[in-house]
Amino acid sequence: MNTGDTNTALRRMEAEQQRLRLQVRWLSILLVSSLALFLVGEWLRWKSSLGAPVERPGELRVSRLIIQDEQGRVRGELGLMPGAQEPSLALYHQQGQRWASLAMATPPGAPPAHQSASLSLHDESGKARIFLGASGRDNGLVLYEPEGHPGLALYLDTDSQGLVIRGSDAPRIQLRYTEHDDARLSELIFRDGQSRPQAALQGGGGGGALNLYRADGESAFRTP
C-alpha cells in the first residue's frame, strides 16, 4: 500500500467517525427527549391521582396579570379585587390614573351587599364619569358631575323604575314609576338638601294627588 492509499483510507475512517459521532449525538438527544416526555407524563399522572388540577396545553393560570407599555408604565391589570374574590379588569392612562374598569361592585347609593356587574368610565384625572351596573335584582346607569359626585341616575328594579337627579349632597328630584300586583303609581318628588320631600305629585288608578311639605318634612297640604 502506497502513501496515497493510506491517506485515502485515513480520510474515509475520519469521515466514518464523524458520521458515527453525529448519529450518536442525535440518538442521545432522542433518548433524553423521550425520557423527559416520559417523566412529564408520569408526573401528570401522579398529580391527577392526587386530585390536583391538571394544567392542559394551551392554558395559562395566573392570579394577576399586569400589562405595561414600553416605558414600563402599568396600562392594564387583570386580577382579583383587593379583599374580595371577584375578578376585575382595569385600564389606566399614561399618567397612572384609572381610565376604565370592569368588576363586581356596589352601585352608588346602594347597600354594600347589593353588588352587580359594573362598568366604570373615568376622565383624564381619574374621576368617575359613568357607571353602568347590572344584576338579577336591578340595573342602573349613573352619570357624574365634574366634581365626581353622582349627578343623574336611571334605575330599573323588580317593581319600580325611575330617574333621580342629585345635588352635591343628596337626591333632589325623583321621577318614579312603581308597579306592584295591580297597583300602579307614578310620582314626581322634590327633596331638600337632607333628602326630605318638599313636594310630591302622584298619579295612579285612583286619580292624582299633590302633596306639599313643611321644612321639617311634615305634610302641609294635600289634594284631594
N, C-alpha and C. Protein backbone atom coordinates (compact mmCIF):
# COMPACT_ATOMS: atom_id res chain seq x y z
N MET A 1 0.86 -1.19 0.00
CA MET A 1 0.00 0.00 0.00
C MET A 1 0.89 1.23 0.00
N ASN A 2 0.67 2.15 -0.95
CA ASN A 2 1.49 3.35 -1.01
C ASN A 2 0.91 4.44 -0.13
N THR A 3 1.56 5.60 -0.15
CA THR A 3 1.17 6.71 0.73
C THR A 3 -0.20 7.26 0.36
N GLY A 4 -0.49 7.32 -0.97
CA GLY A 4 -1.81 7.84 -1.39
C GLY A 4 -2.94 6.99 -0.90
N ASP A 5 -2.77 5.66 -0.99
CA ASP A 5 -3.82 4.77 -0.49
C ASP A 5 -4.02 4.92 1.00
N THR A 6 -2.90 5.12 1.72
CA THR A 6 -3.00 5.29 3.18
C THR A 6 -3.78 6.56 3.53
N ASN A 7 -3.49 7.64 2.85
CA ASN A 7 -4.19 8.91 3.13
C ASN A 7 -5.69 8.78 2.80
N THR A 8 -5.99 8.09 1.71
CA THR A 8 -7.40 7.90 1.35
C THR A 8 -8.13 7.08 2.40
N ALA A 9 -7.50 6.05 2.91
CA ALA A 9 -8.11 5.22 3.94
C ALA A 9 -8.32 6.00 5.23
N LEU A 10 -7.33 6.85 5.55
CA LEU A 10 -7.45 7.66 6.76
C LEU A 10 -8.63 8.64 6.65
N ARG A 11 -8.77 9.26 5.47
CA ARG A 11 -9.88 10.20 5.28
C ARG A 11 -11.23 9.50 5.38
N ARG A 12 -11.32 8.28 4.85
CA ARG A 12 -12.56 7.51 4.96
C ARG A 12 -12.87 7.16 6.40
N MET A 13 -11.85 6.80 7.16
CA MET A 13 -12.05 6.48 8.57
C MET A 13 -12.51 7.71 9.35
N GLU A 14 -11.90 8.87 9.07
CA GLU A 14 -12.31 10.10 9.75
C GLU A 14 -13.76 10.46 9.40
N ALA A 15 -14.11 10.32 8.14
CA ALA A 15 -15.49 10.60 7.73
C ALA A 15 -16.47 9.66 8.41
N GLU A 16 -16.08 8.37 8.49
CA GLU A 16 -16.95 7.40 9.16
C GLU A 16 -17.09 7.72 10.63
N GLN A 17 -15.99 8.15 11.29
CA GLN A 17 -16.04 8.52 12.70
C GLN A 17 -16.96 9.73 12.91
N GLN A 18 -16.87 10.74 12.03
CA GLN A 18 -17.74 11.91 12.15
C GLN A 18 -19.21 11.52 12.00
N ARG A 19 -19.48 10.61 11.04
CA ARG A 19 -20.85 10.16 10.83
C ARG A 19 -21.37 9.42 12.06
N LEU A 20 -20.50 8.57 12.65
CA LEU A 20 -20.91 7.84 13.84
C LEU A 20 -21.13 8.79 15.02
N ARG A 21 -20.25 9.79 15.17
CA ARG A 21 -20.43 10.75 16.27
C ARG A 21 -21.74 11.53 16.10
N LEU A 22 -22.06 11.91 14.85
CA LEU A 22 -23.31 12.62 14.61
C LEU A 22 -24.52 11.75 14.93
N GLN A 23 -24.46 10.48 14.55
CA GLN A 23 -25.55 9.57 14.86
C GLN A 23 -25.71 9.38 16.36
N VAL A 24 -24.57 9.26 17.05
CA VAL A 24 -24.63 9.10 18.50
C VAL A 24 -25.22 10.34 19.15
N ARG A 25 -24.85 11.51 18.63
CA ARG A 25 -25.37 12.77 19.20
C ARG A 25 -26.89 12.84 19.05
N TRP A 26 -27.39 12.58 17.83
CA TRP A 26 -28.84 12.64 17.62
C TRP A 26 -29.56 11.55 18.39
N LEU A 27 -28.94 10.38 18.52
CA LEU A 27 -29.55 9.32 19.30
C LEU A 27 -29.63 9.71 20.77
N SER A 28 -28.59 10.39 21.26
CA SER A 28 -28.60 10.85 22.66
C SER A 28 -29.71 11.87 22.88
N ILE A 29 -29.83 12.83 21.92
CA ILE A 29 -30.89 13.83 22.04
C ILE A 29 -32.27 13.16 22.04
N LEU A 30 -32.46 12.19 21.17
CA LEU A 30 -33.73 11.48 21.10
C LEU A 30 -34.03 10.73 22.39
N LEU A 31 -33.02 10.10 22.96
CA LEU A 31 -33.22 9.38 24.22
C LEU A 31 -33.56 10.33 25.36
N VAL A 32 -32.84 11.46 25.43
CA VAL A 32 -33.11 12.44 26.50
C VAL A 32 -34.52 13.01 26.35
N SER A 33 -34.93 13.34 25.12
CA SER A 33 -36.27 13.88 24.90
C SER A 33 -37.34 12.86 25.27
N SER A 34 -37.12 11.62 24.89
CA SER A 34 -38.09 10.57 25.23
C SER A 34 -38.19 10.40 26.74
N LEU A 35 -37.04 10.45 27.42
CA LEU A 35 -37.05 10.33 28.87
C LEU A 35 -37.78 11.50 29.52
N ALA A 36 -37.55 12.73 28.98
CA ALA A 36 -38.22 13.90 29.54
C ALA A 36 -39.74 13.79 29.36
N LEU A 37 -40.18 13.37 28.17
CA LEU A 37 -41.62 13.21 27.94
C LEU A 37 -42.20 12.14 28.84
N PHE A 38 -41.47 11.07 29.04
CA PHE A 38 -41.93 10.01 29.93
C PHE A 38 -42.09 10.52 31.36
N LEU A 39 -41.08 11.29 31.83
CA LEU A 39 -41.15 11.82 33.19
C LEU A 39 -42.30 12.81 33.36
N VAL A 40 -42.51 13.67 32.34
CA VAL A 40 -43.62 14.62 32.41
C VAL A 40 -44.95 13.88 32.45
N GLY A 41 -45.08 12.85 31.62
CA GLY A 41 -46.31 12.08 31.63
C GLY A 41 -46.56 11.40 32.96
N GLU A 42 -45.52 10.85 33.56
CA GLU A 42 -45.67 10.22 34.86
C GLU A 42 -46.01 11.23 35.94
N TRP A 43 -45.42 12.45 35.83
CA TRP A 43 -45.72 13.49 36.83
C TRP A 43 -47.18 13.94 36.71
N LEU A 44 -47.68 14.11 35.47
CA LEU A 44 -49.08 14.50 35.30
C LEU A 44 -50.01 13.40 35.80
N ARG A 45 -49.64 12.15 35.57
CA ARG A 45 -50.47 11.05 36.05
C ARG A 45 -50.49 11.02 37.58
N TRP A 46 -49.32 11.26 38.18
CA TRP A 46 -49.26 11.29 39.65
C TRP A 46 -50.04 12.47 40.21
N LYS A 47 -49.95 13.63 39.56
CA LYS A 47 -50.68 14.81 40.01
C LYS A 47 -52.18 14.61 39.89
N SER A 48 -52.60 13.95 38.80
CA SER A 48 -54.02 13.68 38.62
C SER A 48 -54.53 12.71 39.66
N SER A 49 -53.70 11.74 40.03
CA SER A 49 -54.13 10.76 41.03
C SER A 49 -54.31 11.39 42.39
N LEU A 50 -53.65 12.53 42.66
CA LEU A 50 -53.81 13.22 43.94
C LEU A 50 -55.01 14.15 43.95
N GLY A 51 -55.68 14.27 42.82
CA GLY A 51 -56.85 15.14 42.76
C GLY A 51 -56.52 16.58 42.47
N ALA A 52 -55.27 16.90 42.17
CA ALA A 52 -54.89 18.27 41.87
C ALA A 52 -55.26 18.61 40.44
N PRO A 53 -55.61 19.87 40.15
CA PRO A 53 -55.97 20.24 38.78
C PRO A 53 -54.79 20.07 37.84
N VAL A 54 -55.05 19.52 36.69
CA VAL A 54 -54.01 19.27 35.70
C VAL A 54 -53.97 20.43 34.72
N GLU A 55 -52.79 20.98 34.52
CA GLU A 55 -52.63 22.06 33.56
C GLU A 55 -52.54 21.47 32.16
N ARG A 56 -53.47 21.86 31.31
CA ARG A 56 -53.52 21.34 29.96
C ARG A 56 -52.74 22.25 29.02
N PRO A 57 -52.23 21.70 27.93
CA PRO A 57 -51.52 22.53 26.95
C PRO A 57 -52.41 23.66 26.46
N GLY A 58 -51.85 24.84 26.34
CA GLY A 58 -52.60 25.99 25.87
C GLY A 58 -53.23 26.80 26.98
N GLU A 59 -53.12 26.38 28.24
CA GLU A 59 -53.69 27.10 29.37
C GLU A 59 -52.61 27.89 30.10
N LEU A 60 -52.99 29.09 30.54
CA LEU A 60 -52.11 29.92 31.35
C LEU A 60 -52.88 30.29 32.61
N ARG A 61 -52.41 29.83 33.76
CA ARG A 61 -53.12 30.07 35.02
C ARG A 61 -52.29 31.02 35.88
N VAL A 62 -52.87 32.21 36.13
CA VAL A 62 -52.22 33.21 36.96
C VAL A 62 -53.28 33.84 37.85
N SER A 63 -52.87 34.44 38.94
CA SER A 63 -53.79 35.15 39.83
C SER A 63 -53.81 36.64 39.54
N ARG A 64 -52.84 37.12 38.77
CA ARG A 64 -52.79 38.55 38.45
C ARG A 64 -51.98 38.74 37.17
N LEU A 65 -52.51 39.57 36.26
CA LEU A 65 -51.84 39.85 35.00
C LEU A 65 -51.73 41.36 34.85
N ILE A 66 -50.52 41.86 34.65
CA ILE A 66 -50.27 43.29 34.52
C ILE A 66 -49.69 43.57 33.13
N ILE A 67 -50.24 44.57 32.45
CA ILE A 67 -49.78 44.96 31.12
C ILE A 67 -49.06 46.30 31.23
N GLN A 68 -47.83 46.36 30.72
CA GLN A 68 -47.03 47.57 30.76
C GLN A 68 -46.73 48.03 29.34
N ASP A 69 -46.51 49.37 29.18
CA ASP A 69 -46.09 49.89 27.90
C ASP A 69 -44.56 49.88 27.79
N GLU A 70 -44.03 50.47 26.73
CA GLU A 70 -42.59 50.42 26.52
C GLU A 70 -41.81 51.19 27.58
N GLN A 71 -42.46 52.15 28.24
CA GLN A 71 -41.80 52.91 29.32
C GLN A 71 -41.95 52.26 30.69
N GLY A 72 -42.57 51.08 30.74
CA GLY A 72 -42.73 50.38 32.00
C GLY A 72 -43.92 50.85 32.82
N ARG A 73 -44.79 51.68 32.24
CA ARG A 73 -45.97 52.16 32.97
C ARG A 73 -47.10 51.13 32.88
N VAL A 74 -47.78 50.94 33.99
CA VAL A 74 -48.89 49.97 34.04
C VAL A 74 -50.06 50.56 33.27
N ARG A 75 -50.55 49.85 32.25
CA ARG A 75 -51.68 50.31 31.43
C ARG A 75 -52.90 49.42 31.56
N GLY A 76 -52.72 48.22 32.09
CA GLY A 76 -53.84 47.31 32.27
C GLY A 76 -53.55 46.31 33.37
N GLU A 77 -54.60 45.89 34.06
CA GLU A 77 -54.44 44.94 35.17
C GLU A 77 -55.65 44.03 35.24
N LEU A 78 -55.40 42.75 35.29
CA LEU A 78 -56.46 41.75 35.42
C LEU A 78 -56.15 40.88 36.62
N GLY A 79 -57.08 40.81 37.56
CA GLY A 79 -56.85 40.02 38.76
C GLY A 79 -58.04 40.09 39.69
N LEU A 80 -57.84 39.66 40.94
CA LEU A 80 -58.89 39.69 41.94
C LEU A 80 -58.85 41.01 42.68
N MET A 81 -60.04 41.54 42.98
CA MET A 81 -60.11 42.81 43.70
C MET A 81 -59.54 42.65 45.10
N PRO A 82 -58.83 43.68 45.63
CA PRO A 82 -58.28 43.58 46.98
C PRO A 82 -59.37 43.33 48.02
N GLY A 83 -59.17 42.33 48.84
CA GLY A 83 -60.12 42.00 49.89
C GLY A 83 -61.36 41.27 49.39
N ALA A 84 -61.37 40.85 48.13
CA ALA A 84 -62.53 40.14 47.59
C ALA A 84 -62.04 39.01 46.69
N GLN A 85 -62.95 38.16 46.31
CA GLN A 85 -62.63 37.04 45.44
C GLN A 85 -63.29 37.21 44.08
N GLU A 86 -63.64 38.44 43.73
CA GLU A 86 -64.26 38.71 42.44
C GLU A 86 -63.22 39.26 41.47
N PRO A 87 -63.23 38.80 40.22
CA PRO A 87 -62.25 39.29 39.25
C PRO A 87 -62.56 40.71 38.80
N SER A 88 -61.55 41.43 38.37
CA SER A 88 -61.71 42.79 37.87
C SER A 88 -60.70 43.06 36.78
N LEU A 89 -61.07 43.94 35.87
CA LEU A 89 -60.20 44.39 34.79
C LEU A 89 -60.12 45.90 34.86
N ALA A 90 -58.92 46.46 34.89
CA ALA A 90 -58.73 47.90 34.99
C ALA A 90 -57.78 48.36 33.90
N LEU A 91 -58.10 49.51 33.29
CA LEU A 91 -57.25 50.15 32.29
C LEU A 91 -56.82 51.51 32.83
N TYR A 92 -55.59 51.94 32.52
CA TYR A 92 -55.03 53.15 33.09
C TYR A 92 -54.53 54.10 32.01
N HIS A 93 -54.59 55.42 32.33
CA HIS A 93 -53.99 56.44 31.47
C HIS A 93 -52.47 56.35 31.57
N GLN A 94 -51.80 57.09 30.69
CA GLN A 94 -50.34 57.11 30.72
C GLN A 94 -49.81 57.68 32.03
N GLN A 95 -50.56 58.61 32.65
CA GLN A 95 -50.13 59.20 33.91
C GLN A 95 -50.45 58.33 35.12
N GLY A 96 -51.11 57.21 34.91
CA GLY A 96 -51.38 56.28 36.00
C GLY A 96 -52.79 56.33 36.55
N GLN A 97 -53.62 57.33 36.13
CA GLN A 97 -54.99 57.39 36.62
C GLN A 97 -55.83 56.30 35.96
N ARG A 98 -56.81 55.84 36.71
CA ARG A 98 -57.69 54.80 36.17
C ARG A 98 -58.55 55.37 35.06
N TRP A 99 -58.68 54.61 33.99
CA TRP A 99 -59.42 55.03 32.81
C TRP A 99 -60.76 54.33 32.73
N ALA A 100 -60.76 53.02 32.93
CA ALA A 100 -61.98 52.23 32.86
C ALA A 100 -61.78 50.97 33.70
N SER A 101 -62.87 50.42 34.21
CA SER A 101 -62.79 49.19 34.99
C SER A 101 -64.06 48.38 34.80
N LEU A 102 -63.89 47.08 34.83
CA LEU A 102 -65.00 46.13 34.73
C LEU A 102 -64.86 45.18 35.91
N ALA A 103 -65.89 45.14 36.78
CA ALA A 103 -65.76 44.36 38.02
C ALA A 103 -67.12 44.15 38.64
N MET A 104 -67.14 43.38 39.75
CA MET A 104 -68.31 43.29 40.62
C MET A 104 -68.20 44.39 41.65
N ALA A 105 -69.16 45.32 41.66
CA ALA A 105 -69.08 46.48 42.55
C ALA A 105 -70.47 46.85 43.03
N THR A 106 -70.51 47.73 44.05
CA THR A 106 -71.77 48.23 44.61
C THR A 106 -72.13 49.54 43.92
N PRO A 107 -73.32 49.65 43.33
CA PRO A 107 -73.73 50.91 42.69
C PRO A 107 -73.77 52.05 43.70
N PRO A 108 -73.56 53.30 43.27
CA PRO A 108 -73.61 54.44 44.18
C PRO A 108 -74.95 54.54 44.89
N GLY A 109 -74.92 54.67 46.21
CA GLY A 109 -76.13 54.79 47.00
C GLY A 109 -76.79 53.49 47.38
N ALA A 110 -76.29 52.35 46.90
CA ALA A 110 -76.89 51.06 47.20
C ALA A 110 -76.21 50.43 48.41
N PRO A 111 -76.90 49.52 49.12
CA PRO A 111 -76.27 48.81 50.25
C PRO A 111 -75.06 48.02 49.78
N PRO A 112 -74.06 47.83 50.66
CA PRO A 112 -72.84 47.10 50.27
C PRO A 112 -73.10 45.70 49.75
N ALA A 113 -74.18 45.06 50.23
CA ALA A 113 -74.46 43.69 49.80
C ALA A 113 -75.03 43.63 48.39
N HIS A 114 -75.50 44.77 47.86
CA HIS A 114 -76.12 44.79 46.54
C HIS A 114 -75.05 45.01 45.47
N GLN A 115 -74.29 43.97 45.20
CA GLN A 115 -73.26 44.07 44.18
C GLN A 115 -73.82 43.68 42.82
N SER A 116 -73.22 44.25 41.77
CA SER A 116 -73.65 43.95 40.42
C SER A 116 -72.45 44.01 39.49
N ALA A 117 -72.59 43.39 38.34
CA ALA A 117 -71.55 43.52 37.33
C ALA A 117 -71.53 44.96 36.86
N SER A 118 -70.38 45.61 36.89
CA SER A 118 -70.34 47.05 36.67
C SER A 118 -69.24 47.43 35.69
N LEU A 119 -69.53 48.47 34.92
CA LEU A 119 -68.56 49.09 34.04
C LEU A 119 -68.44 50.54 34.45
N SER A 120 -67.23 50.97 34.78
CA SER A 120 -66.99 52.33 35.25
C SER A 120 -66.00 53.02 34.32
N LEU A 121 -66.36 54.22 33.85
CA LEU A 121 -65.52 55.00 32.97
C LEU A 121 -65.08 56.27 33.69
N HIS A 122 -63.80 56.65 33.53
CA HIS A 122 -63.22 57.80 34.23
C HIS A 122 -62.65 58.79 33.22
N ASP A 123 -62.43 60.03 33.69
CA ASP A 123 -61.80 61.03 32.83
C ASP A 123 -60.28 61.01 33.00
N GLU A 124 -59.59 62.00 32.40
CA GLU A 124 -58.13 62.01 32.44
C GLU A 124 -57.56 62.17 33.84
N SER A 125 -58.34 62.79 34.74
CA SER A 125 -57.87 62.99 36.12
C SER A 125 -58.17 61.80 37.02
N GLY A 126 -58.86 60.78 36.50
CA GLY A 126 -59.19 59.61 37.30
C GLY A 126 -60.54 59.67 37.98
N LYS A 127 -61.30 60.78 37.79
CA LYS A 127 -62.62 60.90 38.41
C LYS A 127 -63.64 60.08 37.62
N ALA A 128 -64.54 59.43 38.35
CA ALA A 128 -65.59 58.64 37.71
C ALA A 128 -66.53 59.54 36.93
N ARG A 129 -66.95 59.10 35.75
CA ARG A 129 -67.86 59.86 34.91
C ARG A 129 -69.13 59.09 34.59
N ILE A 130 -69.01 57.79 34.35
CA ILE A 130 -70.16 56.96 34.01
C ILE A 130 -70.04 55.63 34.74
N PHE A 131 -71.15 55.18 35.31
CA PHE A 131 -71.21 53.89 35.98
C PHE A 131 -72.40 53.13 35.44
N LEU A 132 -72.17 51.92 34.98
CA LEU A 132 -73.24 51.07 34.45
C LEU A 132 -73.22 49.76 35.22
N GLY A 133 -74.35 49.41 35.83
CA GLY A 133 -74.44 48.20 36.64
C GLY A 133 -75.60 47.32 36.22
N ALA A 134 -75.44 46.02 36.39
CA ALA A 134 -76.49 45.07 36.00
C ALA A 134 -76.44 43.87 36.92
N SER A 135 -77.61 43.40 37.35
CA SER A 135 -77.73 42.19 38.17
C SER A 135 -79.14 41.65 38.00
N GLY A 136 -79.40 40.50 38.62
CA GLY A 136 -80.74 39.94 38.57
C GLY A 136 -81.73 40.71 39.41
N ARG A 137 -81.25 41.61 40.27
CA ARG A 137 -82.12 42.37 41.16
C ARG A 137 -82.45 43.75 40.58
N ASP A 138 -81.48 44.43 40.02
CA ASP A 138 -81.71 45.76 39.46
C ASP A 138 -80.63 46.10 38.45
N ASN A 139 -80.92 47.14 37.65
CA ASN A 139 -79.99 47.65 36.65
C ASN A 139 -79.98 49.16 36.75
N GLY A 140 -78.87 49.78 36.41
CA GLY A 140 -78.81 51.22 36.54
C GLY A 140 -77.69 51.86 35.76
N LEU A 141 -77.86 53.15 35.50
CA LEU A 141 -76.85 53.98 34.84
C LEU A 141 -76.69 55.24 35.66
N VAL A 142 -75.46 55.60 36.00
CA VAL A 142 -75.17 56.78 36.80
C VAL A 142 -74.21 57.67 36.02
N LEU A 143 -74.57 58.97 35.90
CA LEU A 143 -73.71 59.97 35.30
C LEU A 143 -73.21 60.90 36.41
N TYR A 144 -71.93 61.24 36.37
CA TYR A 144 -71.32 62.01 37.45
C TYR A 144 -71.10 63.47 37.05
N GLU A 145 -71.12 64.34 38.06
CA GLU A 145 -70.81 65.75 37.88
C GLU A 145 -69.30 65.92 37.73
N PRO A 146 -68.84 67.10 37.25
CA PRO A 146 -67.40 67.32 37.11
C PRO A 146 -66.62 67.16 38.42
N GLU A 147 -67.27 67.42 39.56
CA GLU A 147 -66.59 67.27 40.85
C GLU A 147 -66.47 65.82 41.28
N GLY A 148 -67.11 64.91 40.57
CA GLY A 148 -67.01 63.49 40.91
C GLY A 148 -68.20 62.97 41.67
N HIS A 149 -69.24 63.80 41.94
CA HIS A 149 -70.44 63.35 42.65
C HIS A 149 -71.45 62.79 41.64
N PRO A 150 -72.22 61.76 42.02
CA PRO A 150 -73.29 61.29 41.14
C PRO A 150 -74.28 62.41 40.87
N GLY A 151 -74.60 62.65 39.60
CA GLY A 151 -75.50 63.74 39.25
C GLY A 151 -76.85 63.27 38.75
N LEU A 152 -76.87 62.20 37.99
CA LEU A 152 -78.11 61.70 37.42
C LEU A 152 -78.05 60.18 37.38
N ALA A 153 -79.17 59.55 37.74
CA ALA A 153 -79.21 58.09 37.78
C ALA A 153 -80.50 57.59 37.17
N LEU A 154 -80.38 56.59 36.33
CA LEU A 154 -81.53 55.84 35.81
C LEU A 154 -81.48 54.45 36.42
N TYR A 155 -82.60 53.95 36.88
CA TYR A 155 -82.60 52.64 37.51
C TYR A 155 -83.84 51.85 37.13
N LEU A 156 -83.70 50.53 37.21
CA LEU A 156 -84.80 49.61 36.93
C LEU A 156 -84.62 48.41 37.84
N ASP A 157 -85.57 48.18 38.76
CA ASP A 157 -85.51 47.01 39.62
C ASP A 157 -86.75 46.16 39.44
N THR A 158 -87.01 45.27 40.38
CA THR A 158 -88.06 44.27 40.19
C THR A 158 -89.46 44.88 40.14
N ASP A 159 -89.73 45.99 40.85
CA ASP A 159 -91.09 46.54 40.87
C ASP A 159 -91.15 48.04 40.64
N SER A 160 -90.05 48.67 40.27
CA SER A 160 -90.09 50.10 40.02
C SER A 160 -88.98 50.50 39.05
N GLN A 161 -89.13 51.67 38.50
CA GLN A 161 -88.12 52.25 37.63
C GLN A 161 -88.21 53.75 37.74
N GLY A 162 -87.10 54.42 37.46
CA GLY A 162 -87.18 55.85 37.62
C GLY A 162 -85.91 56.58 37.25
N LEU A 163 -85.95 57.89 37.52
CA LEU A 163 -84.87 58.81 37.26
C LEU A 163 -84.62 59.63 38.51
N VAL A 164 -83.36 59.78 38.90
CA VAL A 164 -83.01 60.55 40.09
C VAL A 164 -81.97 61.59 39.68
N ILE A 165 -82.25 62.85 40.02
CA ILE A 165 -81.30 63.94 39.82
C ILE A 165 -80.79 64.35 41.18
N ARG A 166 -79.47 64.29 41.36
CA ARG A 166 -78.86 64.56 42.64
C ARG A 166 -78.17 65.91 42.64
N GLY A 167 -78.12 66.52 43.84
CA GLY A 167 -77.25 67.65 44.05
C GLY A 167 -75.92 67.14 44.56
N SER A 168 -75.09 68.05 45.06
CA SER A 168 -73.79 67.61 45.59
C SER A 168 -73.92 66.90 46.91
N ASP A 169 -75.10 67.02 47.57
CA ASP A 169 -75.25 66.45 48.91
C ASP A 169 -76.28 65.33 48.99
N ALA A 170 -77.35 65.38 48.17
CA ALA A 170 -78.42 64.39 48.29
C ALA A 170 -79.26 64.41 47.03
N PRO A 171 -80.13 63.38 46.85
CA PRO A 171 -81.07 63.39 45.73
C PRO A 171 -82.03 64.57 45.87
N ARG A 172 -82.29 65.30 44.75
CA ARG A 172 -83.15 66.46 44.82
C ARG A 172 -84.45 66.28 44.04
N ILE A 173 -84.42 65.61 42.91
CA ILE A 173 -85.62 65.37 42.10
C ILE A 173 -85.68 63.89 41.75
N GLN A 174 -86.86 63.30 41.92
CA GLN A 174 -87.03 61.89 41.64
C GLN A 174 -88.30 61.67 40.84
N LEU A 175 -88.17 61.00 39.72
CA LEU A 175 -89.31 60.58 38.91
C LEU A 175 -89.37 59.07 38.99
N ARG A 176 -90.48 58.54 39.52
CA ARG A 176 -90.56 57.12 39.82
C ARG A 176 -91.88 56.53 39.36
N TYR A 177 -91.78 55.31 38.81
CA TYR A 177 -92.98 54.55 38.44
C TYR A 177 -92.90 53.21 39.15
N THR A 178 -93.94 52.90 39.93
CA THR A 178 -93.98 51.67 40.73
C THR A 178 -95.15 50.82 40.29
N GLU A 179 -94.87 49.54 40.14
CA GLU A 179 -95.92 48.60 39.76
C GLU A 179 -95.83 47.40 40.68
N HIS A 180 -96.84 47.21 41.52
CA HIS A 180 -96.86 46.11 42.47
C HIS A 180 -98.24 45.47 42.46
N ASP A 181 -98.31 44.19 42.12
CA ASP A 181 -99.59 43.49 41.93
C ASP A 181 -100.42 44.26 40.89
N ASP A 182 -101.61 44.74 41.29
CA ASP A 182 -102.46 45.50 40.37
C ASP A 182 -102.34 47.00 40.58
N ALA A 183 -101.51 47.43 41.52
CA ALA A 183 -101.37 48.86 41.82
C ALA A 183 -100.24 49.46 40.98
N ARG A 184 -100.53 50.58 40.33
CA ARG A 184 -99.55 51.30 39.53
C ARG A 184 -99.55 52.75 39.99
N LEU A 185 -98.37 53.28 40.22
CA LEU A 185 -98.25 54.63 40.77
C LEU A 185 -97.10 55.35 40.10
N SER A 186 -97.36 56.56 39.61
CA SER A 186 -96.34 57.43 39.06
C SER A 186 -96.14 58.60 40.02
N GLU A 187 -94.86 58.97 40.27
CA GLU A 187 -94.57 60.02 41.25
C GLU A 187 -93.48 60.95 40.73
N LEU A 188 -93.65 62.22 41.05
CA LEU A 188 -92.61 63.23 40.84
C LEU A 188 -92.36 63.89 42.19
N ILE A 189 -91.16 63.72 42.73
CA ILE A 189 -90.86 64.14 44.10
C ILE A 189 -89.71 65.14 44.08
N PHE A 190 -89.88 66.24 44.83
CA PHE A 190 -88.82 67.24 45.01
C PHE A 190 -88.35 67.16 46.46
N ARG A 191 -87.02 67.15 46.68
CA ARG A 191 -86.46 66.98 48.01
C ARG A 191 -85.51 68.12 48.34
N ASP A 192 -85.26 68.31 49.67
CA ASP A 192 -84.30 69.33 50.09
C ASP A 192 -82.91 68.72 50.25
N GLY A 193 -81.99 69.49 50.81
CA GLY A 193 -80.62 69.02 50.96
C GLY A 193 -80.46 67.85 51.91
N GLN A 194 -81.45 67.61 52.80
CA GLN A 194 -81.43 66.46 53.69
C GLN A 194 -82.25 65.30 53.14
N SER A 195 -82.60 65.36 51.87
CA SER A 195 -83.36 64.32 51.18
C SER A 195 -84.79 64.20 51.70
N ARG A 196 -85.30 65.24 52.41
CA ARG A 196 -86.68 65.24 52.87
C ARG A 196 -87.59 65.74 51.76
N PRO A 197 -88.77 65.13 51.55
CA PRO A 197 -89.67 65.58 50.48
C PRO A 197 -90.21 66.97 50.77
N GLN A 198 -90.27 67.80 49.73
CA GLN A 198 -90.84 69.14 49.83
C GLN A 198 -92.14 69.26 49.03
N ALA A 199 -92.20 68.51 47.93
CA ALA A 199 -93.42 68.47 47.13
C ALA A 199 -93.45 67.15 46.37
N ALA A 200 -94.66 66.62 46.19
CA ALA A 200 -94.81 65.35 45.50
C ALA A 200 -96.09 65.36 44.69
N LEU A 201 -95.97 64.97 43.44
CA LEU A 201 -97.12 64.85 42.56
C LEU A 201 -97.27 63.38 42.21
N GLN A 202 -98.46 62.82 42.48
CA GLN A 202 -98.70 61.40 42.31
C GLN A 202 -99.89 61.17 41.37
N GLY A 203 -99.81 60.09 40.62
CA GLY A 203 -100.91 59.72 39.75
C GLY A 203 -100.99 58.21 39.63
N GLY A 204 -102.23 57.69 39.69
CA GLY A 204 -102.42 56.26 39.61
C GLY A 204 -103.85 55.92 39.24
N GLY A 205 -104.23 54.66 39.49
CA GLY A 205 -105.58 54.22 39.15
C GLY A 205 -106.66 54.96 39.91
N GLY A 206 -106.33 55.46 41.10
CA GLY A 206 -107.33 56.17 41.91
C GLY A 206 -107.34 57.66 41.69
N GLY A 207 -106.63 58.15 40.70
CA GLY A 207 -106.59 59.59 40.44
C GLY A 207 -105.24 60.19 40.81
N GLY A 208 -105.18 61.50 40.82
CA GLY A 208 -103.95 62.21 41.11
C GLY A 208 -103.98 62.89 42.46
N ALA A 209 -102.80 63.26 42.95
CA ALA A 209 -102.71 63.93 44.25
C ALA A 209 -101.48 64.82 44.25
N LEU A 210 -101.57 65.91 45.00
CA LEU A 210 -100.46 66.83 45.18
C LEU A 210 -100.19 66.98 46.67
N ASN A 211 -98.95 66.78 47.06
CA ASN A 211 -98.57 66.89 48.47
C ASN A 211 -97.49 67.97 48.59
N LEU A 212 -97.69 68.87 49.57
CA LEU A 212 -96.70 69.88 49.90
C LEU A 212 -96.27 69.67 51.35
N TYR A 213 -94.99 69.90 51.63
CA TYR A 213 -94.44 69.60 52.95
C TYR A 213 -93.77 70.84 53.54
N ARG A 214 -93.77 70.88 54.87
CA ARG A 214 -93.05 71.94 55.57
C ARG A 214 -91.55 71.64 55.55
N ALA A 215 -90.77 72.59 56.08
CA ALA A 215 -89.31 72.43 56.06
C ALA A 215 -88.85 71.23 56.88
N ASP A 216 -89.65 70.86 57.91
CA ASP A 216 -89.27 69.72 58.75
C ASP A 216 -89.71 68.38 58.15
N GLY A 217 -90.34 68.38 56.96
CA GLY A 217 -90.77 67.15 56.31
C GLY A 217 -92.20 66.76 56.61
N GLU A 218 -92.89 67.48 57.51
CA GLU A 218 -94.28 67.17 57.82
C GLU A 218 -95.20 67.70 56.72
N SER A 219 -96.30 66.97 56.49
CA SER A 219 -97.25 67.35 55.45
C SER A 219 -97.92 68.68 55.79
N ALA A 220 -97.95 69.59 54.79
CA ALA A 220 -98.60 70.88 55.00
C ALA A 220 -99.86 71.02 54.14
N PHE A 221 -99.93 70.36 53.03
CA PHE A 221 -101.09 70.49 52.15
C PHE A 221 -101.19 69.22 51.30
N ARG A 222 -102.43 68.79 51.10
CA ARG A 222 -102.65 67.59 50.29
C ARG A 222 -103.98 67.73 49.56
N THR A 223 -103.95 67.33 48.29
CA THR A 223 -105.17 67.33 47.50
C THR A 223 -105.13 66.12 46.56
N PRO A 224 -106.29 65.43 46.39
CA PRO A 224 -107.57 65.76 47.04
C PRO A 224 -107.56 65.32 48.50
